[in-house]
Amino acid sequence: MNSVDNNLLSAIETNWYSFVVSIFVFFILYFMARRRIGFGLRVIAGLVLGLLAGILLQNLDLDTKAITTFGSIYVSLIKMLVIPLVFVLVVGSIASLTSLEYLRKIGFKTFAWFLGTTGVASIIGLLIARLFNPGKGIQQAVPEGFAAREIPTFSQVILDLVPSNPVLEAANGKVVPVLIFALFIAVAIIKVGSRNAEAVRPVRELIASLTQVLHQVVKFIIRLTPYGVFALIAGITAKYGWETLQELGSVIVTSYVALIVHFVLVFGGLVLLVARVNPIRFFKKIYPTIAVAFTTRSSFAVLPVNLEVITKRLHVSEKIASFVAPLGASVNFNGCGGIWPAIVAVFTAQVYGIDLTGTDYIVLVLVSIISSIGVAGVPGPAVISTTVVLTALGLPLEGIGIVAGVEALIDMGRTAVNATGTTVTSLLVANAEGEFDREAFNRDEDEDLVLNPA
């Protein structure tokens, strides 16, 4: 038997071992899903099993091709969703406002605070990430086929934001022009609908239907996350060893430092300086919102409690609360859409040795603001927002898979910040519109509020 045959048999043998390991781990994760073990725990299990499998395969000097192939498939499925999902969700979210007059009066203020605080959150996440440098100890080869982008001028960046051919832009995977086009479509729907509601009814119904279908597709793909995390982490561990993965702890620390800074300085500062109320009293009153958001990790799960808190504890009118709170569950994502994508972008650039320029930072903040519109209400909104940001910056999406194992721990803090941001915006809009009962807010201590997250 010649050397070629020996090499072929050796490759088959090493891949066979990794294939068997993959099947065994996939069976464990599937069994956990059948036993209805929580999604977050399954993702962490995928991370742990990936670490163990990677260390085992590294020590035995075995090939990980069979494992890493599934990780590549998972990343490709996420890429598949980016363009259609963000277009439909942005159009649907903004077009839900029934008139331009309402959009100009209450809607403009609400969106301004939502998107403004998301932009500030992105800047804070960027600054904290640059300070802590998460991923500094991990060195990963740039994925095959990845090509470094030429650094464009600032004027070219502005020109690239304008969609000259939306279909071509979508085909080329250019996210920002598609988002801009979606904004124009949404405003046009509102304008036409204000004159003739029947004319845009089919469009609204189509968008609503597409949203439901895409939500289901997202659910299909998100269910694969534990397996994708296992495959990506196993491949990295087998190649670089356990020591390189210890740096993931810095991602958790960096994220919570950024979340706390945003919570205290931005939210506390807005409540004190704009609404002119005591921040300590405010945070004490909204504690039920923070607690439920932190434990459920769902902006929609906390919505009923948030409405109660906004109307009964903050004494904001029901008119403002019923508009801002539900909209906030679909748009206001300071944690998921602002802080987290910025940290993951810096982390990914650090891991793959890609330099980010000042222009990249500007694009990062702008894309974080725009892409945060409408991505909530989708399973894994942070994944979608982060995917959009990384795609716009030309960074490898594999960075999402690397940090996915610790994301469940960070998501609790992110959701608490998201829900708090909606509450703060309700207060700010109500204060500007004369819909905030300041005397009742200052007079009452903590009213009884029965919480039933179930």
Protein backbone atom coordinates (compact mmCIF):
# COMPACT_ATOMS: atom_id res chain seq x y z
CA MET A 1 0.00 0.00 0.00
CA ASN A 2 1.54 3.28 -1.08
CA SER A 3 1.76 6.50 0.92
CA VAL A 4 -1.28 8.03 -0.80
CA ASP A 5 -3.46 5.13 0.30
CA ASN A 6 -2.08 5.36 3.83
CA ASN A 7 -2.85 9.08 3.99
CA LEU A 8 -6.37 8.46 2.70
CA LEU A 9 -7.05 5.77 5.30
CA SER A 10 -5.61 7.97 8.02
CA ALA A 11 -7.86 10.88 6.98
CA ILE A 12 -10.92 8.63 6.94
CA GLU A 13 -10.06 7.23 10.37
CA THR A 14 -9.50 10.61 12.01
CA ASN A 15 -12.66 12.04 10.45
CA TRP A 16 -14.59 8.94 11.52
CA TYR A 17 -13.65 9.51 15.15
CA SER A 18 -14.74 13.14 15.04
CA PHE A 19 -17.96 12.09 13.28
CA VAL A 20 -18.73 9.60 16.07
CA VAL A 21 -18.03 12.26 18.70
CA SER A 22 -20.36 14.66 16.89
CA ILE A 23 -23.19 12.13 16.72
CA PHE A 24 -22.77 11.33 20.41
CA VAL A 25 -22.89 15.00 21.43
CA PHE A 26 -25.82 15.77 19.11
CA PHE A 27 -27.72 12.89 20.73
CA ILE A 28 -27.06 14.36 24.19
CA LEU A 29 -28.24 17.82 23.14
CA TYR A 30 -31.30 16.36 21.40
CA PHE A 31 -32.15 14.34 24.51
CA MET A 32 -31.88 17.51 26.61
CA ALA A 33 -34.28 19.26 24.23
CA ARG A 34 -36.75 16.37 24.42
CA ARG A 35 -36.59 16.57 28.22
CA ARG A 36 -37.51 20.26 27.87
CA ILE A 37 -34.31 21.47 29.48
CA GLY A 38 -34.02 25.25 29.06
CA PHE A 39 -32.53 26.64 25.87
CA GLY A 40 -29.90 28.64 27.75
CA LEU A 41 -28.73 25.53 29.59
CA ARG A 42 -28.52 23.63 26.31
CA VAL A 43 -26.38 26.36 24.77
CA ILE A 44 -24.05 26.24 27.79
CA ALA A 45 -24.03 22.44 27.52
CA GLY A 46 -23.03 22.80 23.87
CA LEU A 47 -20.18 25.06 24.94
CA VAL A 48 -18.95 22.65 27.64
CA LEU A 49 -19.25 19.61 25.36
CA GLY A 50 -17.44 21.53 22.63
CA LEU A 51 -14.60 22.30 25.02
CA LEU A 52 -14.34 18.66 26.10
CA ALA A 53 -14.57 17.30 22.57
CA GLY A 54 -12.02 19.80 21.30
CA ILE A 55 -9.54 18.97 24.07
CA LEU A 56 -10.05 15.23 23.42
CA LEU A 57 -9.55 15.54 19.67
CA GLN A 58 -6.52 17.78 20.18
CA ASN A 59 -4.86 15.33 22.57
CA LEU A 60 -5.52 12.44 20.18
CA ASP A 61 -4.35 14.55 17.23
CA LEU A 62 -7.57 13.86 15.30
CA ASP A 63 -9.13 15.83 12.47
CA THR A 64 -12.17 18.01 13.30
CA LYS A 65 -13.44 18.42 9.74
CA ALA A 66 -16.67 16.52 10.41
CA ILE A 67 -17.44 18.79 13.39
CA THR A 68 -16.43 22.12 11.91
CA THR A 69 -18.51 21.45 8.79
CA PHE A 70 -21.69 21.69 10.83
CA GLY A 71 -20.45 24.91 12.42
CA SER A 72 -20.01 26.35 8.93
CA ILE A 73 -23.52 25.25 7.97
CA TYR A 74 -24.93 26.98 11.06
CA VAL A 75 -23.16 30.24 10.21
CA SER A 76 -24.41 30.03 6.60
CA LEU A 77 -28.00 29.59 7.79
CA ILE A 78 -27.70 32.74 9.89
CA LYS A 79 -26.33 34.64 6.90
CA MET A 80 -29.28 33.40 4.83
CA LEU A 81 -31.74 35.27 7.04
CA VAL A 82 -30.08 38.65 7.34
CA ILE A 83 -31.43 40.53 4.31
CA PRO A 84 -35.06 39.31 4.22
CA LEU A 85 -35.49 39.45 7.97
CA VAL A 86 -34.25 42.97 8.62
CA PHE A 87 -36.18 44.36 5.64
CA VAL A 88 -39.52 42.85 6.69
CA LEU A 89 -39.12 43.68 10.38
CA VAL A 90 -38.08 47.29 9.86
CA VAL A 91 -40.98 47.91 7.46
CA GLY A 92 -43.47 46.18 9.76
CA SER A 93 -42.32 47.95 12.90
CA ILE A 94 -42.45 51.50 11.53
CA ALA A 95 -45.53 50.97 9.34
CA SER A 96 -47.48 49.90 12.44
CA LEU A 97 -47.86 53.63 13.19
CA THR A 98 -51.18 54.53 11.57
CA SER A 99 -50.61 58.20 10.72
CA LEU A 100 -47.76 60.56 10.04
CA GLU A 101 -49.23 63.08 12.47
CA TYR A 102 -49.08 60.53 15.28
CA LEU A 103 -45.59 59.58 14.15
CA ARG A 104 -44.48 63.22 14.24
CA LYS A 105 -45.96 63.92 17.66
CA ILE A 106 -45.47 60.93 19.93
CA GLY A 107 -43.77 58.52 17.57
CA PHE A 108 -40.92 60.87 16.73
CA LYS A 109 -40.09 61.49 20.38
CA THR A 110 -40.33 57.79 21.17
CA PHE A 111 -38.13 56.69 18.30
CA ALA A 112 -35.67 59.51 19.01
CA TRP A 113 -35.16 58.31 22.56
CA PHE A 114 -35.10 54.64 21.58
CA LEU A 115 -32.58 55.08 18.80
CA GLY A 116 -30.61 57.82 20.54
CA THR A 117 -30.02 55.74 23.66
CA THR A 118 -29.16 52.74 21.46
CA GLY A 119 -26.53 54.85 19.72
CA VAL A 120 -25.11 55.95 23.08
CA ALA A 121 -25.18 52.32 24.23
CA SER A 122 -23.22 51.32 21.14
CA ILE A 123 -20.61 54.00 21.86
CA ILE A 124 -20.35 52.87 25.49
CA GLY A 125 -20.00 49.24 24.41
CA LEU A 126 -17.31 50.26 21.93
CA LEU A 127 -15.35 52.32 24.47
CA ILE A 128 -15.52 49.67 27.21
CA ALA A 129 -14.57 46.95 24.72
CA ARG A 130 -11.56 48.97 23.56
CA LEU A 131 -10.60 49.46 27.21
CA PHE A 132 -10.89 45.78 28.19
CA ASN A 133 -9.87 44.28 24.81
CA PRO A 134 -11.92 41.06 25.08
CA GLY A 135 -10.46 38.31 22.92
CA LYS A 136 -6.91 39.58 23.23
CA GLY A 137 -5.68 36.13 24.27
CA ILE A 138 -7.41 34.30 21.42
CA GLN A 139 -5.81 34.13 18.02
CA GLN A 140 -7.95 32.66 15.26
CA ALA A 141 -7.13 32.26 11.59
CA VAL A 142 -9.30 34.29 9.25
CA PRO A 143 -11.93 31.97 7.67
CA GLU A 144 -11.17 30.63 4.21
CA GLY A 145 -12.45 32.93 1.51
CA PHE A 146 -12.45 35.99 3.74
CA ALA A 147 -10.97 39.02 2.02
CA ALA A 148 -9.96 42.20 3.81
CA ARG A 149 -11.87 45.23 2.64
CA GLU A 150 -10.32 48.31 1.21
CA ILE A 151 -10.73 51.23 3.60
CA PRO A 152 -13.26 53.61 1.98
CA THR A 153 -13.29 57.35 2.38
CA PHE A 154 -15.98 58.91 4.57
CA SER A 155 -17.79 60.35 1.54
CA GLN A 156 -17.84 56.91 -0.05
CA VAL A 157 -19.33 55.48 3.14
CA ILE A 158 -22.16 58.02 2.95
CA LEU A 159 -22.74 57.24 -0.73
CA ASP A 160 -22.82 53.51 0.01
CA LEU A 161 -25.64 54.09 2.48
CA VAL A 162 -27.93 55.25 -0.34
CA PRO A 163 -29.54 52.30 -2.15
CA SER A 164 -29.23 52.84 -5.92
CA ASN A 165 -30.54 49.34 -6.67
CA PRO A 166 -32.12 47.67 -3.64
CA VAL A 167 -32.35 44.25 -5.30
CA LEU A 168 -28.69 44.33 -6.32
CA GLU A 169 -27.69 45.62 -2.87
CA ALA A 170 -29.60 42.74 -1.26
CA ALA A 171 -28.02 40.21 -3.62
CA ASN A 172 -24.58 41.53 -2.70
CA GLY A 173 -25.37 41.27 1.01
CA LYS A 174 -25.18 45.02 1.66
CA VAL A 175 -27.30 45.44 4.76
CA VAL A 176 -27.35 49.20 5.33
CA PRO A 177 -28.79 50.22 1.92
CA VAL A 178 -31.53 47.61 2.37
CA LEU A 179 -32.37 49.08 5.78
CA ILE A 180 -32.55 52.60 4.32
CA PHE A 181 -34.84 51.34 1.56
CA ALA A 182 -37.04 49.68 4.20
CA LEU A 183 -37.34 53.00 6.05
CA PHE A 184 -38.59 54.71 2.89
CA ILE A 185 -41.10 51.93 2.22
CA ALA A 186 -42.43 52.07 5.78
CA VAL A 187 -42.95 55.85 5.72
CA ALA A 188 -44.63 55.57 2.30
CA ILE A 189 -47.05 52.98 3.68
CA ILE A 190 -48.00 55.34 6.49
CA LYS A 191 -48.43 58.27 4.08
CA VAL A 192 -50.59 56.36 1.60
CA GLY A 193 -52.53 54.65 4.38
CA SER A 194 -53.43 58.00 5.94
CA ARG A 195 -55.26 58.91 2.70
CA ASN A 196 -56.61 55.50 1.75
CA ALA A 197 -56.29 52.71 4.29
CA GLU A 198 -57.62 50.11 1.86
CA ALA A 199 -54.85 50.85 -0.64
CA VAL A 200 -52.13 49.64 1.75
CA ARG A 201 -54.14 46.97 3.56
CA PRO A 202 -52.81 44.16 1.32
CA VAL A 203 -49.25 45.41 1.86
CA ARG A 204 -49.70 45.50 5.64
CA GLU A 205 -51.20 42.02 5.58
CA LEU A 206 -48.36 40.75 3.40
CA ILE A 207 -45.74 42.22 5.75
CA ALA A 208 -47.55 40.75 8.77
CA SER A 209 -47.73 37.35 7.09
CA LEU A 210 -44.08 37.43 6.03
CA THR A 211 -43.10 38.43 9.55
CA GLN A 212 -44.81 35.38 11.01
CA VAL A 213 -43.23 33.09 8.43
CA LEU A 214 -39.76 34.53 8.99
CA HIS A 215 -40.23 34.27 12.75
CA GLN A 216 -40.81 30.57 12.28
CA VAL A 217 -37.72 30.21 10.08
CA VAL A 218 -35.68 32.00 12.75
CA LYS A 219 -37.03 29.59 15.37
CA PHE A 220 -35.88 26.66 13.24
CA ILE A 221 -32.36 28.06 13.00
CA ILE A 222 -32.11 29.27 16.59
CA ARG A 223 -32.93 25.72 17.73
CA LEU A 224 -29.68 24.65 16.10
CA THR A 225 -27.66 27.08 18.23
CA PRO A 226 -26.53 24.52 20.87
CA TYR A 227 -25.25 22.27 18.07
CA GLY A 228 -23.64 25.19 16.25
CA VAL A 229 -21.94 26.36 19.45
CA PHE A 230 -20.64 22.84 20.06
CA ALA A 231 -19.23 22.57 16.55
CA LEU A 232 -17.59 26.00 16.52
CA ILE A 233 -16.11 25.75 20.02
CA ALA A 234 -14.90 22.17 19.46
CA GLY A 235 -13.07 23.21 16.32
CA ILE A 236 -11.42 26.18 18.03
CA THR A 237 -10.47 24.19 21.12
CA ALA A 238 -9.01 21.35 19.09
CA LYS A 239 -6.87 23.82 17.18
CA TYR A 240 -5.84 26.24 19.93
CA GLY A 241 -6.42 24.41 23.22
CA TRP A 242 -8.22 25.24 26.46
CA GLU A 243 -5.96 28.12 27.40
CA THR A 244 -7.10 30.28 24.52
CA LEU A 245 -10.75 29.96 25.55
CA GLN A 246 -10.25 31.26 29.07
CA GLU A 247 -10.33 34.73 27.53
CA LEU A 248 -14.09 34.33 27.00
CA GLY A 249 -14.46 35.30 30.66
CA SER A 250 -13.38 38.79 29.66
CA VAL A 251 -16.41 39.01 27.34
CA ILE A 252 -18.74 38.56 30.33
CA VAL A 253 -16.89 41.14 32.44
CA THR A 254 -16.71 43.64 29.58
CA SER A 255 -20.42 43.25 28.82
CA TYR A 256 -21.62 43.75 32.39
CA VAL A 257 -19.35 46.73 32.97
CA ALA A 258 -20.78 48.36 29.84
CA LEU A 259 -24.37 47.47 30.84
CA ILE A 260 -23.92 48.91 34.34
CA VAL A 261 -22.31 52.10 33.01
CA HIS A 262 -25.19 52.60 30.60
CA PHE A 263 -27.79 51.79 33.26
CA VAL A 264 -26.42 54.18 35.86
CA LEU A 265 -25.03 57.05 33.82
CA VAL A 266 -27.36 57.20 30.81
CA PHE A 267 -30.67 56.11 32.32
CA GLY A 268 -30.00 57.74 35.68
CA GLY A 269 -28.80 60.91 33.98
CA LEU A 270 -31.87 61.17 31.71
CA VAL A 271 -34.26 60.63 34.60
CA LEU A 272 -32.50 63.27 36.70
CA LEU A 273 -31.68 65.92 34.11
CA VAL A 274 -34.53 65.58 31.57
CA ALA A 275 -37.50 64.27 33.55
CA ARG A 276 -36.24 65.97 36.73
CA VAL A 277 -37.16 63.18 39.12
CA ASN A 278 -35.11 61.40 41.75
CA PRO A 279 -33.25 58.50 40.02
CA ILE A 280 -33.12 56.43 43.21
CA ARG A 281 -36.89 56.72 43.64
CA PHE A 282 -37.35 55.93 39.96
CA PHE A 283 -35.22 52.77 40.02
CA LYS A 284 -36.94 51.67 43.23
CA LYS A 285 -40.34 52.01 41.58
CA ILE A 286 -39.37 50.10 38.43
CA TYR A 287 -37.65 47.26 40.30
CA PRO A 288 -40.40 44.76 39.30
CA THR A 289 -39.65 45.43 35.64
CA ILE A 290 -35.93 44.92 36.19
CA ALA A 291 -36.44 41.70 38.18
CA VAL A 292 -38.85 40.08 35.71
CA ALA A 293 -36.73 41.09 32.71
CA PHE A 294 -33.58 39.71 34.32
CA THR A 295 -35.15 36.36 35.18
CA THR A 296 -37.28 35.77 32.07
CA ARG A 297 -34.79 37.18 29.53
CA SER A 298 -37.75 38.21 27.39
CA SER A 299 -38.93 41.73 26.58
CA PHE A 300 -42.37 40.41 25.67
CA ALA A 301 -42.67 38.40 28.88
CA VAL A 302 -41.99 41.54 30.91
CA LEU A 303 -44.39 43.71 28.87
CA PRO A 304 -47.53 43.20 31.07
CA VAL A 305 -45.53 43.99 34.20
CA ASN A 306 -43.90 46.98 32.53
CA LEU A 307 -47.31 48.43 31.62
CA GLU A 308 -48.41 48.09 35.24
CA VAL A 309 -45.21 49.71 36.49
CA ILE A 310 -45.39 52.59 34.02
CA THR A 311 -49.03 53.44 34.72
CA LYS A 312 -49.41 52.59 38.43
CA ARG A 313 -45.97 53.25 39.84
CA LEU A 314 -44.63 55.99 37.57
CA HIS A 315 -48.09 57.54 36.99
CA VAL A 316 -47.62 57.89 33.25
CA SER A 317 -50.90 58.09 31.32
CA GLU A 318 -52.26 54.92 29.72
CA LYS A 319 -52.22 56.66 26.33
CA ILE A 320 -48.45 57.05 26.44
CA ALA A 321 -47.80 53.72 28.14
CA SER A 322 -49.90 51.72 25.67
CA PHE A 323 -47.95 53.21 22.76
CA VAL A 324 -44.39 53.28 24.10
CA ALA A 325 -44.24 49.98 26.02
CA PRO A 326 -45.35 47.63 23.19
CA LEU A 327 -43.25 49.54 20.67
CA GLY A 328 -40.28 49.28 23.02
CA ALA A 329 -40.64 45.50 23.02
CA SER A 330 -39.96 45.59 19.28
CA VAL A 331 -37.55 48.49 18.85
CA ASN A 332 -35.80 49.53 22.06
CA PHE A 333 -32.78 47.28 22.50
CA ASN A 334 -29.97 49.22 24.11
CA GLY A 335 -28.41 46.00 25.39
CA CYS A 336 -29.01 43.62 22.48
CA GLY A 337 -28.79 46.14 19.64
CA GLY A 338 -26.30 48.66 21.05
CA ILE A 339 -23.85 47.34 23.63
CA TRP A 340 -23.61 43.70 22.61
CA PRO A 341 -22.94 44.09 18.84
CA ALA A 342 -20.22 46.66 19.59
CA ILE A 343 -18.49 44.33 22.05
CA VAL A 344 -18.75 41.34 19.71
CA ALA A 345 -17.41 43.41 16.80
CA VAL A 346 -14.34 44.47 18.79
CA PHE A 347 -13.94 40.91 20.08
CA THR A 348 -14.18 39.41 16.57
CA ALA A 349 -11.74 41.93 15.12
CA GLN A 350 -9.32 41.18 17.96
CA VAL A 351 -9.61 37.41 17.56
CA TYR A 352 -9.12 37.43 13.79
CA GLY A 353 -6.47 40.14 13.78
CA ILE A 354 -8.52 42.61 11.74
CA ASP A 355 -7.94 46.32 12.31
CA LEU A 356 -11.00 48.54 12.70
CA THR A 357 -10.67 52.15 11.56
CA GLY A 358 -12.39 55.31 12.71
CA THR A 359 -14.77 54.98 9.76
CA ASP A 360 -15.62 51.44 10.89
CA TYR A 361 -16.53 52.77 14.33
CA ILE A 362 -18.88 55.35 12.80
CA VAL A 363 -20.49 52.68 10.63
CA LEU A 364 -20.81 50.41 13.67
CA VAL A 365 -22.76 53.00 15.64
CA LEU A 366 -25.01 53.94 12.69
CA VAL A 367 -25.76 50.34 11.79
CA SER A 368 -26.46 49.48 15.45
CA ILE A 369 -29.05 52.27 15.58
CA ILE A 370 -30.79 51.30 12.34
CA SER A 371 -30.65 47.53 12.77
CA SER A 372 -32.10 47.69 16.27
CA ILE A 373 -35.46 48.66 14.75
CA GLY A 374 -37.80 45.72 14.72
CA VAL A 375 -35.41 42.89 15.56
CA ALA A 376 -36.90 42.16 18.94
CA GLY A 377 -39.88 39.88 18.95
CA VAL A 378 -37.65 37.57 16.96
CA PRO A 379 -36.02 34.66 18.79
CA GLY A 380 -32.42 35.67 19.40
CA PRO A 381 -32.65 39.39 18.56
CA ALA A 382 -29.08 39.99 19.72
CA VAL A 383 -27.87 37.41 17.19
CA ILE A 384 -29.65 39.20 14.36
CA SER A 385 -28.42 42.67 15.41
CA THR A 386 -24.88 41.39 15.82
CA THR A 387 -25.01 39.60 12.48
CA VAL A 388 -26.08 42.81 10.75
CA VAL A 389 -23.28 44.80 12.39
CA LEU A 390 -20.57 42.23 11.63
CA THR A 391 -21.80 41.92 8.04
CA ALA A 392 -21.76 45.70 7.57
CA LEU A 393 -18.20 45.84 8.93
CA GLY A 394 -17.06 42.90 6.83
CA LEU A 395 -16.10 40.85 9.90
CA PRO A 396 -16.33 37.02 10.04
CA LEU A 397 -19.66 35.84 11.47
CA GLU A 398 -17.87 32.98 13.22
CA GLY A 399 -17.24 35.47 16.03
CA ILE A 400 -20.91 35.12 17.01
CA GLY A 401 -20.51 31.38 17.49
CA ILE A 402 -17.41 31.80 19.64
CA VAL A 403 -19.21 34.00 22.19
CA ALA A 404 -22.58 32.21 21.98
CA GLY A 405 -21.71 29.86 24.83
CA VAL A 406 -21.54 32.70 27.36
CA GLU A 407 -24.33 34.76 25.79
CA ALA A 408 -27.04 33.30 28.05
CA LEU A 409 -25.24 34.70 31.09
CA ILE A 410 -25.02 38.12 29.48
CA ASP A 411 -28.55 38.08 28.08
CA MET A 412 -30.08 38.49 31.57
CA GLY A 413 -28.36 41.84 32.00
CA ARG A 414 -29.07 42.87 28.41
CA THR A 415 -32.80 42.24 28.78
CA ALA A 416 -32.95 44.16 32.07
CA VAL A 417 -31.32 47.14 30.34
CA ASN A 418 -33.69 46.85 27.37
CA ALA A 419 -36.80 46.85 29.55
CA THR A 420 -35.48 49.69 31.72
CA GLY A 421 -34.85 51.75 28.60
CA THR A 422 -38.48 51.38 27.57
CA THR A 423 -39.59 52.52 31.01
CA VAL A 424 -37.28 55.54 30.90
CA THR A 425 -38.54 56.51 27.45
CA SER A 426 -42.16 56.28 28.64
CA LEU A 427 -41.36 58.73 31.42
CA LEU A 428 -39.49 61.13 29.10
CA VAL A 429 -42.23 61.17 26.44
CA ALA A 430 -44.99 61.53 29.04
CA ASN A 431 -43.12 64.38 30.72
CA ALA A 432 -42.76 66.21 27.38
CA GLU A 433 -46.44 65.69 26.52
CA GLY A 434 -47.81 66.66 29.95
CA GLU A 435 -48.96 63.08 30.55
CA PHE A 436 -46.89 62.49 33.69
CA ASP A 437 -48.41 62.99 37.16
CA ARG A 438 -45.37 64.28 39.00
CA GLU A 439 -47.19 64.89 42.28
CA ALA A 440 -48.47 61.32 42.42
CA PHE A 441 -45.02 60.02 41.56
CA ASN A 442 -43.43 61.96 44.41
CA ARG A 443 -46.28 61.35 46.85
CA ASP A 444 -46.67 57.61 46.58
CA GLU A 445 -44.23 55.14 47.98
CA ASP A 446 -44.30 51.69 46.40
CA GLU A 447 -47.83 50.69 45.52
CA ASP A 448 -48.76 47.06 45.85
CA LEU A 449 -48.24 45.33 42.54
CA VAL A 450 -48.86 41.63 42.15
CA LEU A 451 -46.34 40.13 39.80
CA ASN A 452 -47.16 36.97 37.94
CA PRO A 453 -44.62 36.45 35.19
CA ALA A 454 -46.33 33.23 34.17
